[in-house]
Amino acid sequence: LLNFSELFKHESCGVCTPCRAGNFIMQRKLERLKNGLADMNDLKDLKNWGTIMKTTSRCGLGKTASNAILQSVEKFQDYFSTRFAETDNSTYRKFDHLSAVADYEQYKP
């Protein structure tokens, strides 16, 4: 889904705001989801922006850019629900030091 959102963000001509901003916002929401920082509000935002893009974009690219994301959220609800942070309040989320430095540790001498 991140690859799709990157493609559509790159291919957007930028003329209409729903496509230009929507693709950018949807990519950021997917990145939060990937990193385990998303909450239910992010999922709602993905759905809302997808609907906005489908109904208000000027061209076919903007109208179809959110299809893969919306269909994935609808069909794989179990997966998405496991990716949410434990709390909806991002200021109280735990920082996992070990996972933050895991990539560095494998290259450390």
PDB file of N, CA and C in Angstrom:
ATOM      1  N   LEU A   1       0.817  -1.196   0.000  1.00  0.00           N
ATOM      2  CA  LEU A   1       0.000   0.000   0.000  1.00  0.00           C
ATOM      3  C   LEU A   1       0.857   1.255   0.000  1.00  0.00           C
ATOM      4  N   LEU A   2       1.997   1.177   0.694  1.00  0.00           N
ATOM      5  CA  LEU A   2       2.903   2.329   0.668  1.00  0.00           C
ATOM      6  C   LEU A   2       3.452   2.572  -0.735  1.00  0.00           C
ATOM      7  N   ASN A   3       3.735   1.501  -1.464  1.00  0.00           N
ATOM      8  CA  ASN A   3       4.221   1.662  -2.836  1.00  0.00           C
ATOM      9  C   ASN A   3       3.165   2.312  -3.714  1.00  0.00           C
ATOM     10  N   PHE A   4       1.918   1.871  -3.569  1.00  0.00           N
ATOM     11  CA  PHE A   4       0.830   2.479  -4.341  1.00  0.00           C
ATOM     12  C   PHE A   4       0.692   3.956  -3.996  1.00  0.00           C
ATOM     13  N   SER A   5       0.707   4.265  -2.707  1.00  0.00           N
ATOM     14  CA  SER A   5       0.515   5.663  -2.316  1.00  0.00           C
ATOM     15  C   SER A   5       1.678   6.531  -2.785  1.00  0.00           C
ATOM     16  N   GLU A   6       2.891   5.991  -2.778  1.00  0.00           N
ATOM     17  CA  GLU A   6       4.048   6.736  -3.290  1.00  0.00           C
ATOM     18  C   GLU A   6       3.900   6.990  -4.788  1.00  0.00           C
ATOM     19  N   LEU A   7       3.464   5.978  -5.525  1.00  0.00           N
ATOM     20  CA  LEU A   7       3.261   6.137  -6.964  1.00  0.00           C
ATOM     21  C   LEU A   7       2.231   7.216  -7.264  1.00  0.00           C
ATOM     22  N   PHE A   8       1.084   7.152  -6.597  1.00  0.00           N
ATOM     23  CA  PHE A   8       0.035   8.128  -6.870  1.00  0.00           C
ATOM     24  C   PHE A   8       0.427   9.523  -6.411  1.00  0.00           C
ATOM     25  N   LYS A   9       1.164   9.624  -5.331  1.00  0.00           N
ATOM     26  CA  LYS A   9       1.643  10.932  -4.876  1.00  0.00           C
ATOM     27  C   LYS A   9       2.589  11.526  -5.913  1.00  0.00           C
ATOM     28  N   HIS A  10       3.457  10.690  -6.454  1.00  0.00           N
ATOM     29  CA  HIS A  10       4.417  11.142  -7.466  1.00  0.00           C
ATOM     30  C   HIS A  10       3.737  11.502  -8.778  1.00  0.00           C
ATOM     31  N   GLU A  11       2.727  10.731  -9.167  1.00  0.00           N
ATOM     32  CA  GLU A  11       2.068  10.927 -10.459  1.00  0.00           C
ATOM     33  C   GLU A  11       1.000  12.024 -10.446  1.00  0.00           C
ATOM     34  N   SER A  12       0.595  12.471  -9.276  1.00  0.00           N
ATOM     35  CA  SER A  12      -0.421  13.515  -9.200  1.00  0.00           C
ATOM     36  C   SER A  12       0.103  14.794  -9.847  1.00  0.00           C
ATOM     37  N   CYS A  13      -0.734  15.415 -10.676  1.00  0.00           N
ATOM     38  CA  CYS A  13      -0.309  16.658 -11.336  1.00  0.00           C
ATOM     39  C   CYS A  13      -0.333  17.831 -10.373  1.00  0.00           C
ATOM     40  N   GLY A  14      -1.093  17.723  -9.289  1.00  0.00           N
ATOM     41  CA  GLY A  14      -1.138  18.770  -8.285  1.00  0.00           C
ATOM     42  C   GLY A  14      -2.158  19.858  -8.548  1.00  0.00           C
ATOM     43  N   VAL A  15      -2.954  19.733  -9.614  1.00  0.00           N
ATOM     44  CA  VAL A  15      -3.930  20.766  -9.934  1.00  0.00           C
ATOM     45  C   VAL A  15      -5.056  20.804  -8.907  1.00  0.00           C
ATOM     46  N   CYS A  16      -5.584  19.639  -8.542  1.00  0.00           N
ATOM     47  CA  CYS A  16      -6.693  19.650  -7.580  1.00  0.00           C
ATOM     48  C   CYS A  16      -6.184  19.243  -6.194  1.00  0.00           C
ATOM     49  N   THR A  17      -6.664  19.948  -5.202  1.00  0.00           N
ATOM     50  CA  THR A  17      -6.226  19.732  -3.825  1.00  0.00           C
ATOM     51  C   THR A  17      -6.555  18.347  -3.285  1.00  0.00           C
ATOM     52  N   PRO A  18      -7.742  17.784  -3.563  1.00  0.00           N
ATOM     53  CA  PRO A  18      -8.024  16.466  -2.994  1.00  0.00           C
ATOM     54  C   PRO A  18      -6.987  15.410  -3.369  1.00  0.00           C
ATOM     55  N   CYS A  19      -6.551  15.421  -4.600  1.00  0.00           N
ATOM     56  CA  CYS A  19      -5.561  14.438  -5.035  1.00  0.00           C
ATOM     57  C   CYS A  19      -4.174  14.780  -4.487  1.00  0.00           C
ATOM     58  N   ARG A  20      -3.790  16.034  -4.599  1.00  0.00           N
ATOM     59  CA  ARG A  20      -2.456  16.451  -4.147  1.00  0.00           C
ATOM     60  C   ARG A  20      -2.294  16.234  -2.648  1.00  0.00           C
ATOM     61  N   ALA A  21      -3.215  16.761  -1.869  1.00  0.00           N
ATOM     62  CA  ALA A  21      -3.113  16.649  -0.414  1.00  0.00           C
ATOM     63  C   ALA A  21      -3.509  15.258   0.065  1.00  0.00           C
ATOM     64  N   GLY A  22      -4.524  14.692  -0.560  1.00  0.00           N
ATOM     65  CA  GLY A  22      -5.014  13.388  -0.131  1.00  0.00           C
ATOM     66  C   GLY A  22      -3.970  12.298  -0.248  1.00  0.00           C
ATOM     67  N   ASN A  23      -3.266  12.253  -1.360  1.00  0.00           N
ATOM     68  CA  ASN A  23      -2.227  11.237  -1.529  1.00  0.00           C
ATOM     69  C   ASN A  23      -1.108  11.408  -0.514  1.00  0.00           C
ATOM     70  N   PHE A  24      -0.750  12.646  -0.237  1.00  0.00           N
ATOM     71  CA  PHE A  24       0.290  12.917   0.746  1.00  0.00           C
ATOM     72  C   PHE A  24      -0.161  12.471   2.141  1.00  0.00           C
ATOM     73  N   ILE A  25      -1.371  12.852   2.519  1.00  0.00           N
ATOM     74  CA  ILE A  25      -1.884  12.511   3.848  1.00  0.00           C
ATOM     75  C   ILE A  25      -2.059  11.008   3.998  1.00  0.00           C
ATOM     76  N   MET A  26      -2.579  10.366   2.959  1.00  0.00           N
ATOM     77  CA  MET A  26      -2.782   8.920   3.042  1.00  0.00           C
ATOM     78  C   MET A  26      -1.450   8.189   3.188  1.00  0.00           C
ATOM     79  N   GLN A  27      -0.418   8.665   2.509  1.00  0.00           N
ATOM     80  CA  GLN A  27       0.889   8.035   2.657  1.00  0.00           C
ATOM     81  C   GLN A  27       1.408   8.192   4.084  1.00  0.00           C
ATOM     82  N   ARG A  28       1.244   9.364   4.663  1.00  0.00           N
ATOM     83  CA  ARG A  28       1.692   9.587   6.043  1.00  0.00           C
ATOM     84  C   ARG A  28       0.929   8.699   7.022  1.00  0.00           C
ATOM     85  N   LYS A  29      -0.358   8.538   6.800  1.00  0.00           N
ATOM     86  CA  LYS A  29      -1.165   7.678   7.677  1.00  0.00           C
ATOM     87  C   LYS A  29      -0.704   6.222   7.561  1.00  0.00           C
ATOM     88  N   LEU A  30      -0.377   5.781   6.358  1.00  0.00           N
ATOM     89  CA  LEU A  30       0.116   4.414   6.169  1.00  0.00           C
ATOM     90  C   LEU A  30       1.476   4.222   6.836  1.00  0.00           C
ATOM     91  N   GLU A  31       2.312   5.245   6.802  1.00  0.00           N
ATOM     92  CA  GLU A  31       3.609   5.160   7.476  1.00  0.00           C
ATOM     93  C   GLU A  31       3.423   5.058   8.989  1.00  0.00           C
ATOM     94  N   ARG A  32       2.472   5.815   9.526  1.00  0.00           N
ATOM     95  CA  ARG A  32       2.170   5.709  10.960  1.00  0.00           C
ATOM     96  C   ARG A  32       1.690   4.300  11.289  1.00  0.00           C
ATOM     97  N   LEU A  33       0.865   3.751  10.426  1.00  0.00           N
ATOM     98  CA  LEU A  33       0.354   2.400  10.621  1.00  0.00           C
ATOM     99  C   LEU A  33       1.487   1.388  10.580  1.00  0.00           C
ATOM    100  N   LYS A  34       2.379   1.535   9.622  1.00  0.00           N
ATOM    101  CA  LYS A  34       3.521   0.621   9.486  1.00  0.00           C
ATOM    102  C   LYS A  34       4.409   0.652  10.726  1.00  0.00           C
ATOM    103  N   ASN A  35       4.573   1.833  11.296  1.00  0.00           N
ATOM    104  CA  ASN A  35       5.452   1.999  12.454  1.00  0.00           C
ATOM    105  C   ASN A  35       4.757   1.740  13.788  1.00  0.00           C
ATOM    106  N   GLY A  36       3.490   1.335  13.744  1.00  0.00           N
ATOM    107  CA  GLY A  36       2.767   1.041  14.972  1.00  0.00           C
ATOM    108  C   GLY A  36       2.357   2.271  15.752  1.00  0.00           C
ATOM    109  N   LEU A  37       2.271   3.415  15.089  1.00  0.00           N
ATOM    110  CA  LEU A  37       1.908   4.657  15.765  1.00  0.00           C
ATOM    111  C   LEU A  37       0.482   5.094  15.460  1.00  0.00           C
ATOM    112  N   ALA A  38      -0.200   4.373  14.602  1.00  0.00           N
ATOM    113  CA  ALA A  38      -1.552   4.759  14.195  1.00  0.00           C
ATOM    114  C   ALA A  38      -2.563   4.410  15.271  1.00  0.00           C
ATOM    115  N   ASP A  39      -3.657   5.134  15.272  1.00  0.00           N
ATOM    116  CA  ASP A  39      -4.777   4.818  16.142  1.00  0.00           C
ATOM    117  C   ASP A  39      -6.049   4.800  15.300  1.00  0.00           C
ATOM    118  N   MET A  40      -7.172   4.642  15.946  1.00  0.00           N
ATOM    119  CA  MET A  40      -8.438   4.545  15.221  1.00  0.00           C
ATOM    120  C   MET A  40      -8.720   5.803  14.404  1.00  0.00           C
ATOM    121  N   ASN A  41      -8.277   6.944  14.878  1.00  0.00           N
ATOM    122  CA  ASN A  41      -8.488   8.188  14.134  1.00  0.00           C
ATOM    123  C   ASN A  41      -7.756   8.161  12.796  1.00  0.00           C
ATOM    124  N   ASP A  42      -6.591   7.556  12.752  1.00  0.00           N
ATOM    125  CA  ASP A  42      -5.849   7.453  11.498  1.00  0.00           C
ATOM    126  C   ASP A  42      -6.595   6.577  10.497  1.00  0.00           C
ATOM    127  N   LEU A  43      -7.193   5.510  10.980  1.00  0.00           N
ATOM    128  CA  LEU A  43      -7.968   4.646  10.094  1.00  0.00           C
ATOM    129  C   LEU A  43      -9.190   5.385   9.558  1.00  0.00           C
ATOM    130  N   LYS A  44      -9.847   6.141  10.423  1.00  0.00           N
ATOM    131  CA  LYS A  44     -10.989   6.952   9.982  1.00  0.00           C
ATOM    132  C   LYS A  44     -10.542   7.992   8.954  1.00  0.00           C
ATOM    133  N   ASP A  45      -9.380   8.602   9.194  1.00  0.00           N
ATOM    134  CA  ASP A  45      -8.854   9.588   8.251  1.00  0.00           C
ATOM    135  C   ASP A  45      -8.564   8.960   6.889  1.00  0.00           C
ATOM    136  N   LEU A  46      -8.007   7.745   6.900  1.00  0.00           N
ATOM    137  CA  LEU A  46      -7.753   7.049   5.628  1.00  0.00           C
ATOM    138  C   LEU A  46      -9.057   6.867   4.850  1.00  0.00           C
ATOM    139  N   LYS A  47     -10.082   6.425   5.549  1.00  0.00           N
ATOM    140  CA  LYS A  47     -11.374   6.221   4.890  1.00  0.00           C
ATOM    141  C   LYS A  47     -11.970   7.538   4.407  1.00  0.00           C
ATOM    142  N   ASN A  48     -11.903   8.561   5.251  1.00  0.00           N
ATOM    143  CA  ASN A  48     -12.474   9.862   4.873  1.00  0.00           C
ATOM    144  C   ASN A  48     -11.752  10.478   3.683  1.00  0.00           C
ATOM    145  N   TRP A  49     -10.420  10.465   3.718  1.00  0.00           N
ATOM    146  CA  TRP A  49      -9.670  11.042   2.601  1.00  0.00           C
ATOM    147  C   TRP A  49      -9.886  10.241   1.323  1.00  0.00           C
ATOM    148  N   GLY A  50      -9.996   8.933   1.454  1.00  0.00           N
ATOM    149  CA  GLY A  50     -10.280   8.112   0.279  1.00  0.00           C
ATOM    150  C   GLY A  50     -11.600   8.483  -0.359  1.00  0.00           C
ATOM    151  N   THR A  51     -12.604   8.700   0.466  1.00  0.00           N
ATOM    152  CA  THR A  51     -13.922   9.088  -0.041  1.00  0.00           C
ATOM    153  C   THR A  51     -13.880  10.480  -0.654  1.00  0.00           C
ATOM    154  N   ILE A  52     -13.206  11.394  -0.001  1.00  0.00           N
ATOM    155  CA  ILE A  52     -13.074  12.757  -0.535  1.00  0.00           C
ATOM    156  C   ILE A  52     -12.398  12.726  -1.897  1.00  0.00           C
ATOM    157  N   MET A  53     -11.318  11.954  -1.995  1.00  0.00           N
ATOM    158  CA  MET A  53     -10.585  11.883  -3.266  1.00  0.00           C
ATOM    159  C   MET A  53     -11.452  11.293  -4.367  1.00  0.00           C
ATOM    160  N   LYS A  54     -12.195  10.240  -4.050  1.00  0.00           N
ATOM    161  CA  LYS A  54     -13.030   9.591  -5.060  1.00  0.00           C
ATOM    162  C   LYS A  54     -14.127  10.509  -5.574  1.00  0.00           C
ATOM    163  N   THR A  55     -14.667  11.341  -4.710  1.00  0.00           N
ATOM    164  CA  THR A  55     -15.817  12.152  -5.100  1.00  0.00           C
ATOM    165  C   THR A  55     -15.462  13.537  -5.627  1.00  0.00           C
ATOM    166  N   THR A  56     -14.279  14.055  -5.286  1.00  0.00           N
ATOM    167  CA  THR A  56     -14.001  15.448  -5.651  1.00  0.00           C
ATOM    168  C   THR A  56     -12.787  15.655  -6.546  1.00  0.00           C
ATOM    169  N   SER A  57     -12.029  14.627  -6.830  1.00  0.00           N
ATOM    170  CA  SER A  57     -10.867  14.797  -7.702  1.00  0.00           C
ATOM    171  C   SER A  57     -11.316  15.069  -9.135  1.00  0.00           C
ATOM    172  N   ARG A  58     -10.490  15.779  -9.877  1.00  0.00           N
ATOM    173  CA  ARG A  58     -10.845  16.175 -11.240  1.00  0.00           C
ATOM    174  C   ARG A  58     -10.633  15.075 -12.270  1.00  0.00           C
ATOM    175  N   CYS A  59      -9.662  14.208 -12.052  1.00  0.00           N
ATOM    176  CA  CYS A  59      -9.340  13.227 -13.094  1.00  0.00           C
ATOM    177  C   CYS A  59      -9.414  11.803 -12.546  1.00  0.00           C
ATOM    178  N   GLY A  60      -9.205  10.867 -13.422  1.00  0.00           N
ATOM    179  CA  GLY A  60      -9.277   9.459 -13.063  1.00  0.00           C
ATOM    180  C   GLY A  60      -8.213   9.031 -12.076  1.00  0.00           C
ATOM    181  N   LEU A  61      -7.040   9.635 -12.143  1.00  0.00           N
ATOM    182  CA  LEU A  61      -5.975   9.267 -11.210  1.00  0.00           C
ATOM    183  C   LEU A  61      -6.416   9.549  -9.778  1.00  0.00           C
ATOM    184  N   GLY A  62      -6.926  10.741  -9.543  1.00  0.00           N
ATOM    185  CA  GLY A  62      -7.365  11.103  -8.202  1.00  0.00           C
ATOM    186  C   GLY A  62      -8.563  10.292  -7.741  1.00  0.00           C
ATOM    187  N   LYS A  63      -9.433   9.949  -8.669  1.00  0.00           N
ATOM    188  CA  LYS A  63     -10.635   9.195  -8.322  1.00  0.00           C
ATOM    189  C   LYS A  63     -10.335   7.736  -7.988  1.00  0.00           C
ATOM    190  N   THR A  64      -9.231   7.205  -8.495  1.00  0.00           N
ATOM    191  CA  THR A  64      -8.912   5.796  -8.249  1.00  0.00           C
ATOM    192  C   THR A  64      -7.705   5.584  -7.336  1.00  0.00           C
ATOM    193  N   ALA A  65      -7.003   6.640  -6.975  1.00  0.00           N
ATOM    194  CA  ALA A  65      -5.776   6.507  -6.184  1.00  0.00           C
ATOM    195  C   ALA A  65      -6.007   5.838  -4.837  1.00  0.00           C
ATOM    196  N   SER A  66      -7.157   6.038  -4.263  1.00  0.00           N
ATOM    197  CA  SER A  66      -7.400   5.495  -2.924  1.00  0.00           C
ATOM    198  C   SER A  66      -8.062   4.123  -2.946  1.00  0.00           C
ATOM    199  N   ASN A  67      -8.370   3.587  -4.120  1.00  0.00           N
ATOM    200  CA  ASN A  67      -9.096   2.314  -4.201  1.00  0.00           C
ATOM    201  C   ASN A  67      -8.388   1.174  -3.472  1.00  0.00           C
ATOM    202  N   ALA A  68      -7.116   0.987  -3.709  1.00  0.00           N
ATOM    203  CA  ALA A  68      -6.391  -0.125  -3.088  1.00  0.00           C
ATOM    204  C   ALA A  68      -6.387  -0.001  -1.567  1.00  0.00           C
ATOM    205  N   ILE A  69      -6.221   1.211  -1.076  1.00  0.00           N
ATOM    206  CA  ILE A  69      -6.185   1.424   0.373  1.00  0.00           C
ATOM    207  C   ILE A  69      -7.558   1.166   0.982  1.00  0.00           C
ATOM    208  N   LEU A  70      -8.599   1.735   0.373  1.00  0.00           N
ATOM    209  CA  LEU A  70      -9.947   1.555   0.903  1.00  0.00           C
ATOM    210  C   LEU A  70     -10.379   0.094   0.871  1.00  0.00           C
ATOM    211  N   GLN A  71     -10.074  -0.597  -0.207  1.00  0.00           N
ATOM    212  CA  GLN A  71     -10.442  -2.001  -0.301  1.00  0.00           C
ATOM    213  C   GLN A  71      -9.657  -2.853   0.689  1.00  0.00           C
ATOM    214  N   SER A  72      -8.400  -2.530   0.896  1.00  0.00           N
ATOM    215  CA  SER A  72      -7.589  -3.278   1.861  1.00  0.00           C
ATOM    216  C   SER A  72      -8.102  -3.084   3.282  1.00  0.00           C
ATOM    217  N   VAL A  73      -8.436  -1.853   3.626  1.00  0.00           N
ATOM    218  CA  VAL A  73      -8.958  -1.573   4.960  1.00  0.00           C
ATOM    219  C   VAL A  73     -10.276  -2.316   5.174  1.00  0.00           C
ATOM    220  N   GLU A  74     -11.091  -2.374   4.144  1.00  0.00           N
ATOM    221  CA  GLU A  74     -12.379  -3.051   4.251  1.00  0.00           C
ATOM    222  C   GLU A  74     -12.231  -4.569   4.351  1.00  0.00           C
ATOM    223  N   LYS A  75     -11.351  -5.147   3.544  1.00  0.00           N
ATOM    224  CA  LYS A  75     -11.239  -6.605   3.468  1.00  0.00           C
ATOM    225  C   LYS A  75     -10.329  -7.215   4.533  1.00  0.00           C
ATOM    226  N   PHE A  76      -9.385  -6.434   5.034  1.00  0.00           N
ATOM    227  CA  PHE A  76      -8.423  -6.957   5.999  1.00  0.00           C
ATOM    228  C   PHE A  76      -8.489  -6.186   7.317  1.00  0.00           C
ATOM    229  N   GLN A  77      -9.672  -6.054   7.865  1.00  0.00           N
ATOM    230  CA  GLN A  77      -9.865  -5.301   9.100  1.00  0.00           C
ATOM    231  C   GLN A  77      -9.081  -5.901  10.265  1.00  0.00           C
ATOM    232  N   ASP A  78      -8.968  -7.227  10.301  1.00  0.00           N
ATOM    233  CA  ASP A  78      -8.220  -7.870  11.385  1.00  0.00           C
ATOM    234  C   ASP A  78      -6.763  -7.434  11.389  1.00  0.00           C
ATOM    235  N   TYR A  79      -6.162  -7.393  10.204  1.00  0.00           N
ATOM    236  CA  TYR A  79      -4.761  -6.972  10.110  1.00  0.00           C
ATOM    237  C   TYR A  79      -4.599  -5.530  10.584  1.00  0.00           C
ATOM    238  N   PHE A  80      -5.454  -4.656  10.099  1.00  0.00           N
ATOM    239  CA  PHE A  80      -5.316  -3.252  10.452  1.00  0.00           C
ATOM    240  C   PHE A  80      -5.545  -3.016  11.935  1.00  0.00           C
ATOM    241  N   SER A  81      -6.456  -3.742  12.535  1.00  0.00           N
ATOM    242  CA  SER A  81      -6.721  -3.541  13.959  1.00  0.00           C
ATOM    243  C   SER A  81      -5.533  -3.976  14.819  1.00  0.00           C
ATOM    244  N   THR A  82      -4.719  -4.922  14.347  1.00  0.00           N
ATOM    245  CA  THR A  82      -3.544  -5.338  15.119  1.00  0.00           C
ATOM    246  C   THR A  82      -2.401  -4.335  15.005  1.00  0.00           C
ATOM    247  N   ARG A  83      -2.463  -3.435  14.055  1.00  0.00           N
ATOM    248  CA  ARG A  83      -1.391  -2.473  13.841  1.00  0.00           C
ATOM    249  C   ARG A  83      -1.555  -1.197  14.661  1.00  0.00           C
ATOM    250  N   PHE A  84      -2.645  -1.093  15.407  1.00  0.00           N
ATOM    251  CA  PHE A  84      -2.881   0.129  16.171  1.00  0.00           C
ATOM    252  C   PHE A  84      -2.031   0.163  17.423  1.00  0.00           C
ATOM    253  N   ALA A  85      -1.680   1.355  17.831  1.00  0.00           N
ATOM    254  CA  ALA A  85      -0.975   1.541  19.093  1.00  0.00           C
ATOM    255  C   ALA A  85      -1.917   1.179  20.232  1.00  0.00           C
ATOM    256  N   GLU A  86      -1.356   0.924  21.392  1.00  0.00           N
ATOM    257  CA  GLU A  86      -2.161   0.477  22.527  1.00  0.00           C
ATOM    258  C   GLU A  86      -3.104   1.562  23.041  1.00  0.00           C
ATOM    259  N   THR A  87      -2.762   2.800  22.821  1.00  0.00           N
ATOM    260  CA  THR A  87      -3.594   3.901  23.298  1.00  0.00           C
ATOM    261  C   THR A  87      -3.862   4.870  22.162  1.00  0.00           C
ATOM    262  N   ASP A  88      -4.985   5.585  22.257  1.00  0.00           N
ATOM    263  CA  ASP A  88      -5.317   6.577  21.237  1.00  0.00           C
ATOM    264  C   ASP A  88      -4.625   7.905  21.484  1.00  0.00           C
ATOM    265  N   ASN A  89      -3.955   8.045  22.601  1.00  0.00           N
ATOM    266  CA  ASN A  89      -3.297   9.298  22.928  1.00  0.00           C
ATOM    267  C   ASN A  89      -1.808   9.169  22.633  1.00  0.00           C
ATOM    268  N   SER A  90      -1.349   9.806  21.576  1.00  0.00           N
ATOM    269  CA  SER A  90       0.030   9.622  21.119  1.00  0.00           C
ATOM    270  C   SER A  90       1.065  10.144  22.106  1.00  0.00           C
ATOM    271  N   THR A  91       0.691  11.022  23.019  1.00  0.00           N
ATOM    272  CA  THR A  91       1.670  11.530  23.975  1.00  0.00           C
ATOM    273  C   THR A  91       2.027  10.490  25.031  1.00  0.00           C
ATOM    274  N   TYR A  92       1.209   9.448  25.171  1.00  0.00           N
ATOM    275  CA  TYR A  92       1.472   8.429  26.175  1.00  0.00           C
ATOM    276  C   TYR A  92       1.977   7.122  25.585  1.00  0.00           C
ATOM    277  N   ARG A  93       2.316   7.124  24.339  1.00  0.00           N
ATOM    278  CA  ARG A  93       2.807   5.892  23.727  1.00  0.00           C
ATOM    279  C   ARG A  93       4.216   5.598  24.219  1.00  0.00           C
ATOM    280  N   LYS A  94       4.494   4.336  24.360  1.00  0.00           N
ATOM    281  CA  LYS A  94       5.808   3.913  24.837  1.00  0.00           C
ATOM    282  C   LYS A  94       6.828   3.987  23.712  1.00  0.00           C
ATOM    283  N   PHE A  95       8.047   4.319  24.073  1.00  0.00           N
ATOM    284  CA  PHE A  95       9.146   4.306  23.129  1.00  0.00           C
ATOM    285  C   PHE A  95       9.926   3.028  23.363  1.00  0.00           C
ATOM    286  N   ASP A  96      10.088   2.228  22.336  1.00  0.00           N
ATOM    287  CA  ASP A  96      10.801   0.965  22.448  1.00  0.00           C
ATOM    288  C   ASP A  96      12.237   1.174  21.972  1.00  0.00           C
ATOM    289  N   HIS A  97      13.123   1.336  22.916  1.00  0.00           N
ATOM    290  CA  HIS A  97      14.523   1.615  22.623  1.00  0.00           C
ATOM    291  C   HIS A  97      15.168   0.492  21.815  1.00  0.00           C
ATOM    292  N   LEU A  98      14.890  -0.740  22.162  1.00  0.00           N
ATOM    293  CA  LEU A  98      15.529  -1.870  21.481  1.00  0.00           C
ATOM    294  C   LEU A  98      15.141  -1.960  20.014  1.00  0.00           C
ATOM    295  N   SER A  99      13.878  -1.735  19.706  1.00  0.00           N
ATOM    296  CA  SER A  99      13.490  -1.787  18.288  1.00  0.00           C
ATOM    297  C   SER A  99      13.996  -0.557  17.539  1.00  0.00           C
ATOM    298  N   ALA A 100      14.188   0.553  18.238  1.00  0.00           N
ATOM    299  CA  ALA A 100      14.688   1.765  17.587  1.00  0.00           C
ATOM    300  C   ALA A 100      16.144   1.618  17.161  1.00  0.00           C
ATOM    301  N   VAL A 101      16.931   0.854  17.898  1.00  0.00           N
ATOM    302  CA  VAL A 101      18.346   0.712  17.574  1.00  0.00           C
ATOM    303  C   VAL A 101      18.674  -0.636  16.936  1.00  0.00           C
ATOM    304  N   ALA A 102      17.664  -1.444  16.656  1.00  0.00           N
ATOM    305  CA  ALA A 102      17.903  -2.798  16.130  1.00  0.00           C
ATOM    306  C   ALA A 102      18.667  -2.775  14.813  1.00  0.00           C
ATOM    307  N   ASP A 103      18.318  -1.875  13.906  1.00  0.00           N
ATOM    308  CA  ASP A 103      19.033  -1.801  12.626  1.00  0.00           C
ATOM    309  C   ASP A 103      20.491  -1.406  12.822  1.00  0.00           C
ATOM    310  N   TYR A 104      20.745  -0.489  13.752  1.00  0.00           N
ATOM    311  CA  TYR A 104      22.109  -0.080  14.028  1.00  0.00           C
ATOM    312  C   TYR A 104      22.926  -1.211  14.637  1.00  0.00           C
ATOM    313  N   GLU A 105      22.321  -1.961  15.538  1.00  0.00           N
ATOM    314  CA  GLU A 105      23.036  -3.012  16.254  1.00  0.00           C
ATOM    315  C   GLU A 105      23.598  -4.083  15.321  1.00  0.00           C
ATOM    316  N   GLN A 106      22.929  -4.365  14.225  1.00  0.00           N
ATOM    317  CA  GLN A 106      23.420  -5.420  13.329  1.00  0.00           C
ATOM    318  C   GLN A 106      24.695  -4.999  12.575  1.00  0.00           C
ATOM    319  N   TYR A 107      24.941  -3.694  12.476  1.00  0.00           N
ATOM    320  CA  TYR A 107      26.139  -3.220  11.777  1.00  0.00           C
ATOM    321  C   TYR A 107      27.211  -2.717  12.723  1.00  0.00           C
ATOM    322  N   LYS A 108      26.934  -2.724  13.986  1.00  0.00           N
ATOM    323  CA  LYS A 108      27.872  -2.241  14.983  1.00  0.00           C
ATOM    324  C   LYS A 108      29.054  -3.212  15.085  1.00  0.00           C
ATOM    325  N   PRO A 109      30.274  -2.673  15.138  1.00  0.00           N
ATOM    326  CA  PRO A 109      31.459  -3.561  15.212  1.00  0.00           C
ATOM    327  C   PRO A 109      31.560  -4.298  16.514  1.00  0.00           C
TER     328      PRO A 109
END
